[in-house]
């Protein structure tokens, strides 16, 4: 695989502890963010949206190696929305992600989602 097409896969599991069953058609959105670019549009390096039902929710997103910097600081943001788009669960802070210069697969483990009152 050439350097220009190399990908790094970031994977984990999003969970919430409330006993709430999300309806069919709900969506999990996971974003890998470049913390140095803060709240700009360029901060989102990769994004994946999955249709989900009952949790916990496994995810895997790929980010092009060319978008990563040596010594870069990255974070994950995840949210779960109802089929109509209404937000129900979200990470309360960015989950730190360390991506080594030779990494191909990064496992972040479980990330906690917090309930958003409708």
Protein backbone atom coordinates (compact mmCIF):
# COMPACT_ATOMS: atom_id res chain seq x y z
CA UNK A 1 0.00 0.00 0.00
CA UNK A 2 1.46 3.34 -0.96
CA UNK A 3 1.79 6.19 1.53
CA UNK A 4 -0.90 8.19 -0.29
CA UNK A 5 -3.52 5.42 0.10
CA UNK A 6 -2.54 4.15 3.57
CA UNK A 7 -5.33 4.12 6.14
CA UNK A 8 -5.39 3.88 9.92
CA UNK A 9 -8.42 2.11 11.39
CA UNK A 10 -9.72 3.44 14.71
CA UNK A 11 -12.12 1.09 16.43
CA UNK A 12 -13.94 0.68 19.68
CA UNK A 13 -17.33 0.39 21.29
CA UNK A 14 -19.75 3.16 22.29
CA UNK A 15 -21.88 2.41 25.36
CA UNK A 16 -24.42 4.07 27.60
CA UNK A 17 -25.63 2.79 30.97
CA UNK A 18 -29.23 4.04 30.92
CA UNK A 19 -31.85 1.36 30.32
CA UNK A 20 -33.18 2.95 27.15
CA UNK A 21 -33.76 0.95 23.99
CA UNK A 22 -33.18 3.06 20.90
CA UNK A 23 -35.71 2.50 18.11
CA UNK A 24 -34.75 0.89 14.82
CA UNK A 25 -33.26 3.46 12.45
CA UNK A 26 -31.32 5.34 15.15
CA UNK A 27 -27.86 6.52 14.12
CA UNK A 28 -24.42 6.43 15.71
CA UNK A 29 -22.08 9.15 14.42
CA UNK A 30 -18.35 8.79 15.19
CA UNK A 31 -15.81 11.48 14.29
CA UNK A 32 -12.03 11.52 14.58
CA UNK A 33 -10.96 15.11 15.30
CA UNK A 34 -7.64 16.92 15.09
CA UNK A 35 -7.48 18.73 18.44
CA UNK A 36 -5.03 21.30 17.08
CA UNK A 37 -7.65 22.56 14.62
CA UNK A 38 -10.17 22.95 17.48
CA UNK A 39 -13.68 23.77 16.32
CA UNK A 40 -13.04 24.39 12.63
CA UNK A 41 -14.49 22.30 9.77
CA UNK A 42 -11.00 21.01 9.04
CA UNK A 43 -10.88 19.42 12.51
CA UNK A 44 -12.96 16.43 11.32
CA UNK A 45 -10.46 14.01 9.79
CA UNK A 46 -12.87 11.10 9.42
CA UNK A 47 -16.53 10.52 10.09
CA UNK A 48 -18.74 7.47 9.92
CA UNK A 49 -22.49 7.14 10.48
CA UNK A 50 -23.96 3.74 11.37
CA UNK A 51 -27.62 2.74 11.62
CA UNK A 52 -28.03 1.09 15.02
CA UNK A 53 -30.59 -0.57 17.25
CA UNK A 54 -29.84 -1.90 20.73
CA UNK A 55 -26.40 -1.01 22.15
CA UNK A 56 -23.55 -1.34 22.83
CA UNK A 57 -22.35 -0.13 19.44
CA UNK A 58 -19.13 -1.35 17.86
CA UNK A 59 -17.52 1.03 15.38
CA UNK A 60 -14.54 1.24 13.07
CA UNK A 61 -13.56 4.31 11.07
CA UNK A 62 -10.68 4.74 8.66
CA UNK A 63 -8.60 7.89 8.43
CA UNK A 64 -6.09 8.53 5.65
CA UNK A 65 -2.53 8.39 7.01
CA UNK A 66 -1.74 11.51 4.92
CA UNK A 67 -4.07 13.57 7.18
CA UNK A 68 -2.14 12.66 10.35
CA UNK A 69 0.84 14.61 11.69
CA UNK A 70 3.80 13.32 13.67
CA UNK A 71 3.04 14.10 17.28
CA UNK A 72 -0.54 15.10 16.42
CA UNK A 73 -3.24 15.15 19.10
CA UNK A 74 -6.53 13.53 18.21
CA UNK A 75 -9.87 12.85 19.82
CA UNK A 76 -13.06 10.93 19.16
CA UNK A 77 -16.55 12.36 19.39
CA UNK A 78 -19.58 10.07 19.25
CA UNK A 79 -23.33 10.62 19.39
CA UNK A 80 -26.54 8.63 18.99
CA UNK A 81 -29.60 10.23 17.41
CA UNK A 82 -33.21 9.13 17.03
CA UNK A 83 -34.47 8.28 13.51
CA UNK A 84 -35.81 11.87 13.26
CA UNK A 85 -32.32 13.26 14.04
CA UNK A 86 -33.00 14.23 17.68
CA UNK A 87 -29.84 13.78 19.77
CA UNK A 88 -30.12 11.26 22.64
CA UNK A 89 -26.58 10.31 23.71
CA UNK A 90 -23.21 12.02 23.29
CA UNK A 91 -19.65 11.89 24.59
CA UNK A 92 -19.27 14.72 27.09
CA UNK A 93 -15.63 15.36 26.11
CA UNK A 94 -13.38 14.28 23.27
CA UNK A 95 -11.94 10.85 23.92
CA UNK A 96 -8.14 11.03 23.48
CA UNK A 97 -6.74 8.86 20.67
CA UNK A 98 -3.01 8.20 20.33
CA UNK A 99 -1.99 7.24 16.82
CA UNK A 100 1.62 6.13 16.46
CA UNK A 101 3.54 6.89 13.30
CA UNK A 102 3.48 3.20 12.25
CA UNK A 103 0.01 2.30 13.55
CA UNK A 104 -2.45 0.58 11.25
CA UNK A 105 -5.06 -0.32 13.87
CA UNK A 106 -5.91 1.69 16.99
CA UNK A 107 -8.27 0.27 19.62
CA UNK A 108 -9.81 2.84 21.95
CA UNK A 109 -11.87 0.35 23.97
CA UNK A 110 -15.21 1.46 25.36
CA UNK A 111 -16.23 5.08 25.18
CA UNK A 112 -19.03 6.37 27.39
CA UNK A 113 -22.06 8.14 25.97
CA UNK A 114 -24.14 10.39 28.24
CA UNK A 115 -27.89 10.88 28.01
CA UNK A 116 -29.20 14.14 26.59
CA UNK A 117 -32.60 15.12 27.98
CA UNK A 118 -35.13 15.57 25.16
